[in-house]
């Protein structure tokens, strides 16, 4: 169980890092400036032309991981992070927590059995 917990945790961290790479790329692209930088390139998703004038900026949120394009009229929307990153991160993180909890409870009950058996 301990190995499964470490594997789940490692994969969860890897998936989160993959999402961070996407967010970092979006931030670098947004901060680049220059010709053809309005609206910022990461906010140019399908249908962006209808909201182009309303895009006012962006923000990064880390839990859940996302790059949010802020608008003044039609509502904020997220881009840049693949849709599977947050669910996989949370499910694998939860799986790792369950594995570590089971290991901790098992080792606690094992130590109690040993103490009961030695008469101390």
N, C-alpha and C. Protein backbone atom coordinates (compact mmCIF):
# COMPACT_ATOMS: atom_id res chain seq x y z
N UNK A 1 0.82 -1.20 0.00
CA UNK A 1 0.00 0.00 0.00
C UNK A 1 0.86 1.27 0.00
N UNK A 2 1.97 1.18 0.71
CA UNK A 2 2.86 2.34 0.77
C UNK A 2 3.39 2.67 -0.63
N UNK A 3 3.76 1.66 -1.38
CA UNK A 3 4.27 1.89 -2.73
C UNK A 3 3.19 2.50 -3.62
N UNK A 4 1.97 2.01 -3.49
CA UNK A 4 0.85 2.57 -4.27
C UNK A 4 0.62 4.03 -3.90
N UNK A 5 0.74 4.34 -2.62
CA UNK A 5 0.58 5.73 -2.18
C UNK A 5 1.65 6.64 -2.76
N UNK A 6 2.90 6.18 -2.71
CA UNK A 6 3.99 6.99 -3.28
C UNK A 6 3.84 7.13 -4.79
N UNK A 7 3.43 6.06 -5.46
CA UNK A 7 3.24 6.13 -6.91
C UNK A 7 2.12 7.10 -7.26
N UNK A 8 1.01 7.01 -6.54
CA UNK A 8 -0.11 7.92 -6.79
C UNK A 8 0.30 9.37 -6.55
N UNK A 9 1.01 9.60 -5.45
CA UNK A 9 1.46 10.96 -5.14
C UNK A 9 2.43 11.48 -6.21
N UNK A 10 3.33 10.64 -6.66
CA UNK A 10 4.31 11.06 -7.67
C UNK A 10 3.62 11.40 -8.99
N UNK A 11 2.67 10.58 -9.39
CA UNK A 11 1.95 10.84 -10.65
C UNK A 11 1.11 12.11 -10.50
N UNK A 12 0.49 12.30 -9.34
CA UNK A 12 -0.31 13.51 -9.11
C UNK A 12 0.56 14.76 -9.21
N UNK A 13 1.73 14.72 -8.63
CA UNK A 13 2.65 15.86 -8.70
C UNK A 13 3.09 16.08 -10.16
N UNK A 14 3.33 15.01 -10.88
CA UNK A 14 3.72 15.12 -12.29
C UNK A 14 2.62 15.75 -13.14
N UNK A 15 1.38 15.34 -12.91
CA UNK A 15 0.25 15.90 -13.66
C UNK A 15 0.08 17.38 -13.33
N UNK A 16 0.23 17.73 -12.05
CA UNK A 16 0.11 19.13 -11.65
C UNK A 16 1.23 19.95 -12.30
N UNK A 17 2.44 19.40 -12.33
CA UNK A 17 3.56 20.09 -12.98
C UNK A 17 3.29 20.29 -14.47
N UNK A 18 2.66 19.32 -15.10
CA UNK A 18 2.31 19.44 -16.51
C UNK A 18 1.33 20.60 -16.70
N UNK A 19 0.36 20.70 -15.82
CA UNK A 19 -0.58 21.82 -15.87
C UNK A 19 0.12 23.15 -15.62
N UNK A 20 1.08 23.16 -14.68
CA UNK A 20 1.84 24.39 -14.42
C UNK A 20 2.64 24.83 -15.63
N UNK A 21 3.15 23.87 -16.39
CA UNK A 21 3.86 24.23 -17.63
C UNK A 21 2.92 24.94 -18.60
N UNK A 22 1.70 24.46 -18.71
CA UNK A 22 0.73 25.11 -19.58
C UNK A 22 0.41 26.53 -19.09
N UNK A 23 0.22 26.67 -17.77
CA UNK A 23 -0.08 27.99 -17.21
C UNK A 23 1.11 28.92 -17.39
N UNK A 24 2.31 28.43 -17.16
CA UNK A 24 3.51 29.25 -17.33
C UNK A 24 3.64 29.73 -18.77
N UNK A 25 3.40 28.83 -19.71
CA UNK A 25 3.44 29.22 -21.12
C UNK A 25 2.40 30.28 -21.44
N UNK A 26 1.21 30.17 -20.85
CA UNK A 26 0.17 31.17 -21.08
C UNK A 26 0.57 32.51 -20.49
N UNK A 27 1.17 32.50 -19.30
CA UNK A 27 1.60 33.75 -18.67
C UNK A 27 2.71 34.40 -19.49
N UNK A 28 3.67 33.62 -19.95
CA UNK A 28 4.76 34.16 -20.78
C UNK A 28 4.19 34.77 -22.05
N UNK A 29 3.24 34.09 -22.65
CA UNK A 29 2.61 34.59 -23.86
C UNK A 29 1.81 35.86 -23.58
N UNK A 30 1.14 35.91 -22.43
CA UNK A 30 0.34 37.08 -22.08
C UNK A 30 1.21 38.29 -21.79
N UNK A 31 2.37 38.07 -21.21
CA UNK A 31 3.26 39.17 -20.85
C UNK A 31 4.19 39.60 -21.98
N UNK A 32 4.15 38.90 -23.10
CA UNK A 32 5.07 39.17 -24.20
C UNK A 32 4.86 40.55 -24.80
N UNK A 33 3.63 40.97 -24.97
CA UNK A 33 3.36 42.29 -25.56
C UNK A 33 3.72 42.32 -27.03
N UNK A 34 3.81 43.51 -27.58
CA UNK A 34 4.19 43.66 -28.98
C UNK A 34 3.00 43.60 -29.92
N UNK A 35 3.32 43.43 -31.19
CA UNK A 35 2.30 43.37 -32.22
C UNK A 35 1.40 42.16 -32.01
N UNK A 36 0.13 42.35 -32.26
CA UNK A 36 -0.86 41.28 -32.17
C UNK A 36 -0.99 40.72 -30.75
N UNK A 37 -0.89 41.59 -29.75
CA UNK A 37 -0.97 41.13 -28.37
C UNK A 37 -2.26 41.52 -27.67
N UNK A 38 -3.18 42.14 -28.39
CA UNK A 38 -4.46 42.50 -27.79
C UNK A 38 -5.56 41.86 -28.62
N UNK A 39 -6.37 41.02 -28.06
CA UNK A 39 -6.30 40.51 -26.69
C UNK A 39 -5.14 39.53 -26.54
N UNK A 40 -4.80 39.24 -25.32
CA UNK A 40 -3.65 38.37 -25.09
C UNK A 40 -3.90 37.01 -25.74
N UNK A 41 -2.87 36.44 -26.34
CA UNK A 41 -3.03 35.19 -27.09
C UNK A 41 -3.69 34.03 -26.33
N UNK A 42 -3.40 33.81 -25.03
CA UNK A 42 -4.06 32.68 -24.37
C UNK A 42 -5.57 32.82 -24.27
N UNK A 43 -6.09 34.03 -24.40
CA UNK A 43 -7.54 34.25 -24.31
C UNK A 43 -8.23 34.12 -25.66
N UNK A 44 -7.48 33.80 -26.69
CA UNK A 44 -8.07 33.64 -28.02
C UNK A 44 -8.54 32.20 -28.21
N UNK A 45 -9.61 31.89 -27.58
CA UNK A 45 -10.22 30.57 -27.71
C UNK A 45 -11.34 30.67 -28.73
N UNK A 46 -11.93 29.56 -29.13
CA UNK A 46 -13.04 29.65 -30.09
C UNK A 46 -14.11 30.62 -29.60
N UNK A 47 -14.46 31.56 -30.44
CA UNK A 47 -15.47 32.55 -30.11
C UNK A 47 -14.91 33.80 -29.45
N UNK A 48 -13.59 33.93 -29.40
CA UNK A 48 -13.00 35.07 -28.71
C UNK A 48 -13.31 36.39 -29.41
N UNK A 49 -13.57 36.34 -30.69
CA UNK A 49 -13.82 37.57 -31.43
C UNK A 49 -15.01 38.33 -30.85
N UNK A 50 -16.03 37.59 -30.39
CA UNK A 50 -17.21 38.26 -29.86
C UNK A 50 -16.95 38.91 -28.51
N UNK A 51 -15.92 38.46 -27.79
CA UNK A 51 -15.63 39.05 -26.48
C UNK A 51 -14.31 39.80 -26.46
N UNK A 52 -13.69 40.01 -27.61
CA UNK A 52 -12.34 40.60 -27.67
C UNK A 52 -12.26 41.97 -26.99
N UNK A 53 -13.23 42.81 -27.21
CA UNK A 53 -13.16 44.15 -26.63
C UNK A 53 -13.39 44.13 -25.12
N UNK A 54 -14.01 43.08 -24.61
CA UNK A 54 -14.31 43.02 -23.19
C UNK A 54 -13.23 42.36 -22.35
N UNK A 55 -12.19 41.80 -22.98
CA UNK A 55 -11.12 41.14 -22.22
C UNK A 55 -10.27 42.21 -21.55
N UNK A 56 -10.23 42.15 -20.22
CA UNK A 56 -9.53 43.19 -19.46
C UNK A 56 -8.23 42.71 -18.84
N UNK A 57 -8.02 41.42 -18.74
CA UNK A 57 -6.79 40.92 -18.13
C UNK A 57 -6.88 39.43 -17.87
N UNK A 58 -6.04 38.98 -16.97
CA UNK A 58 -6.03 37.56 -16.63
C UNK A 58 -5.58 37.38 -15.19
N UNK A 59 -5.81 36.20 -14.67
CA UNK A 59 -5.29 35.82 -13.36
C UNK A 59 -5.00 34.33 -13.38
N UNK A 60 -4.12 33.92 -12.50
CA UNK A 60 -3.76 32.51 -12.37
C UNK A 60 -4.28 32.02 -11.03
N UNK A 61 -4.96 30.90 -11.03
CA UNK A 61 -5.43 30.26 -9.80
C UNK A 61 -4.74 28.91 -9.70
N UNK A 62 -4.28 28.59 -8.50
CA UNK A 62 -3.48 27.38 -8.32
C UNK A 62 -4.26 26.19 -7.80
N UNK A 63 -5.37 26.40 -7.12
CA UNK A 63 -6.21 25.29 -6.68
C UNK A 63 -7.65 25.68 -6.92
N UNK A 64 -8.33 25.14 -7.89
CA UNK A 64 -7.80 24.29 -8.95
C UNK A 64 -6.92 25.11 -9.89
N UNK A 65 -6.01 24.44 -10.54
CA UNK A 65 -5.06 25.08 -11.43
C UNK A 65 -5.77 25.56 -12.69
N UNK A 66 -5.65 26.87 -12.95
CA UNK A 66 -6.26 27.40 -14.17
C UNK A 66 -5.76 28.80 -14.49
N UNK A 67 -5.84 29.14 -15.76
CA UNK A 67 -5.53 30.46 -16.29
C UNK A 67 -6.87 31.08 -16.64
N UNK A 68 -7.22 32.17 -15.99
CA UNK A 68 -8.55 32.77 -16.15
C UNK A 68 -8.44 34.07 -16.93
N UNK A 69 -9.17 34.15 -18.03
CA UNK A 69 -9.26 35.40 -18.79
C UNK A 69 -10.40 36.21 -18.19
N UNK A 70 -10.09 37.43 -17.78
CA UNK A 70 -11.10 38.29 -17.15
C UNK A 70 -11.73 39.19 -18.20
N UNK A 71 -13.05 39.32 -18.12
CA UNK A 71 -13.77 40.20 -19.03
C UNK A 71 -14.62 41.17 -18.20
N UNK A 72 -15.00 42.27 -18.82
CA UNK A 72 -15.80 43.23 -18.09
C UNK A 72 -17.29 43.06 -18.30
N UNK A 73 -17.68 42.20 -19.24
CA UNK A 73 -19.11 42.13 -19.51
C UNK A 73 -19.68 40.71 -19.64
N UNK A 74 -18.97 39.77 -20.22
CA UNK A 74 -19.56 38.46 -20.49
C UNK A 74 -19.17 37.38 -19.50
N UNK A 75 -18.39 37.70 -18.51
CA UNK A 75 -17.98 36.70 -17.51
C UNK A 75 -16.61 36.13 -17.81
N UNK A 76 -15.90 35.80 -16.77
CA UNK A 76 -14.56 35.24 -16.90
C UNK A 76 -14.62 33.83 -17.46
N UNK A 77 -13.56 33.40 -18.11
CA UNK A 77 -13.49 32.03 -18.64
C UNK A 77 -12.06 31.53 -18.54
N UNK A 78 -11.94 30.20 -18.46
CA UNK A 78 -10.63 29.59 -18.27
C UNK A 78 -10.09 29.05 -19.59
N UNK A 79 -8.76 29.04 -19.68
CA UNK A 79 -8.07 28.50 -20.86
C UNK A 79 -6.77 27.84 -20.42
N UNK A 80 -6.07 27.28 -21.36
CA UNK A 80 -4.68 26.84 -21.26
C UNK A 80 -4.39 25.56 -20.49
N UNK A 81 -5.15 25.21 -19.49
CA UNK A 81 -4.87 23.99 -18.74
C UNK A 81 -5.73 22.86 -19.32
N UNK A 82 -5.11 21.74 -19.71
CA UNK A 82 -5.90 20.62 -20.23
C UNK A 82 -6.97 20.19 -19.21
N UNK A 83 -8.12 19.81 -19.71
CA UNK A 83 -9.25 19.49 -18.85
C UNK A 83 -9.03 18.33 -17.90
N UNK A 84 -8.09 17.46 -18.19
CA UNK A 84 -7.88 16.30 -17.34
C UNK A 84 -6.96 16.58 -16.15
N UNK A 85 -6.24 17.69 -16.16
CA UNK A 85 -5.22 17.94 -15.14
C UNK A 85 -5.81 17.98 -13.73
N UNK A 86 -6.79 18.83 -13.49
CA UNK A 86 -7.33 18.97 -12.14
C UNK A 86 -8.02 17.71 -11.63
N UNK A 87 -8.90 17.06 -12.41
CA UNK A 87 -9.52 15.83 -11.89
C UNK A 87 -8.50 14.72 -11.60
N UNK A 88 -7.53 14.53 -12.48
CA UNK A 88 -6.52 13.48 -12.26
C UNK A 88 -5.69 13.82 -11.03
N UNK A 89 -5.30 15.09 -10.89
CA UNK A 89 -4.51 15.50 -9.73
C UNK A 89 -5.28 15.23 -8.43
N UNK A 90 -6.53 15.63 -8.38
CA UNK A 90 -7.30 15.46 -7.15
C UNK A 90 -7.59 13.98 -6.86
N UNK A 91 -7.93 13.21 -7.88
CA UNK A 91 -8.22 11.79 -7.65
C UNK A 91 -6.98 11.02 -7.21
N UNK A 92 -5.86 11.27 -7.87
CA UNK A 92 -4.63 10.59 -7.46
C UNK A 92 -4.15 11.06 -6.09
N UNK A 93 -4.32 12.34 -5.80
CA UNK A 93 -3.97 12.84 -4.48
C UNK A 93 -4.84 12.22 -3.40
N UNK A 94 -6.12 12.07 -3.69
CA UNK A 94 -7.03 11.41 -2.75
C UNK A 94 -6.65 9.94 -2.58
N UNK A 95 -6.31 9.28 -3.68
CA UNK A 95 -5.87 7.89 -3.61
C UNK A 95 -4.61 7.73 -2.77
N UNK A 96 -3.68 8.65 -2.93
CA UNK A 96 -2.45 8.60 -2.14
C UNK A 96 -2.75 8.81 -0.66
N UNK A 97 -3.64 9.75 -0.37
CA UNK A 97 -4.01 9.99 1.03
C UNK A 97 -4.67 8.77 1.65
N UNK A 98 -5.53 8.10 0.89
CA UNK A 98 -6.18 6.88 1.39
C UNK A 98 -5.13 5.80 1.64
N UNK A 99 -4.22 5.62 0.71
CA UNK A 99 -3.18 4.60 0.89
C UNK A 99 -2.33 4.88 2.13
N UNK A 100 -1.92 6.12 2.31
CA UNK A 100 -1.10 6.47 3.47
C UNK A 100 -1.89 6.33 4.78
N UNK A 101 -3.18 6.63 4.73
CA UNK A 101 -4.01 6.46 5.92
C UNK A 101 -4.14 4.99 6.29
N UNK A 102 -4.36 4.14 5.30
CA UNK A 102 -4.45 2.70 5.55
C UNK A 102 -3.14 2.18 6.13
N UNK A 103 -2.03 2.60 5.57
CA UNK A 103 -0.72 2.17 6.08
C UNK A 103 -0.53 2.63 7.52
N UNK A 104 -0.90 3.87 7.81
CA UNK A 104 -0.74 4.39 9.17
C UNK A 104 -1.62 3.64 10.16
N UNK A 105 -2.87 3.38 9.78
CA UNK A 105 -3.77 2.65 10.67
C UNK A 105 -3.31 1.22 10.86
N UNK A 106 -2.80 0.61 9.81
CA UNK A 106 -2.32 -0.77 9.91
C UNK A 106 -1.09 -0.86 10.81
N UNK A 107 -0.17 0.08 10.66
CA UNK A 107 1.03 0.04 11.51
C UNK A 107 0.68 0.34 12.96
N UNK A 108 -0.32 1.19 13.20
CA UNK A 108 -0.76 1.49 14.56
C UNK A 108 -1.39 0.26 15.20
N UNK A 109 -2.24 -0.44 14.45
CA UNK A 109 -2.87 -1.64 15.01
C UNK A 109 -1.85 -2.77 15.19
N UNK A 110 -0.84 -2.84 14.32
CA UNK A 110 0.21 -3.85 14.46
C UNK A 110 1.03 -3.61 15.72
N UNK A 111 1.33 -2.34 15.99
CA UNK A 111 2.12 -2.04 17.19
C UNK A 111 1.30 -2.33 18.45
N UNK A 112 0.00 -2.11 18.40
CA UNK A 112 -0.85 -2.43 19.55
C UNK A 112 -0.90 -3.94 19.78
N UNK A 113 -0.96 -4.70 18.70
CA UNK A 113 -0.98 -6.17 18.84
C UNK A 113 0.34 -6.65 19.43
N UNK A 114 1.46 -6.06 19.00
CA UNK A 114 2.76 -6.46 19.54
C UNK A 114 2.85 -6.14 21.03
N UNK A 115 2.38 -4.98 21.42
CA UNK A 115 2.41 -4.60 22.82
C UNK A 115 1.51 -5.49 23.65
N UNK A 116 0.37 -5.86 23.15
CA UNK A 116 -0.55 -6.75 23.87
C UNK A 116 0.05 -8.14 24.02
N UNK A 117 0.81 -8.57 23.03
CA UNK A 117 1.42 -9.89 23.05
C UNK A 117 2.61 -10.00 23.98
N UNK A 118 3.30 -8.90 24.24
CA UNK A 118 4.49 -8.94 25.11
C UNK A 118 4.14 -8.69 26.57
N UNK A 119 2.91 -8.23 26.84
CA UNK A 119 2.47 -8.03 28.21
C UNK A 119 2.93 -6.73 28.80
N UNK A 120 3.35 -5.77 27.98
CA UNK A 120 3.77 -4.47 28.52
C UNK A 120 2.66 -3.49 28.52
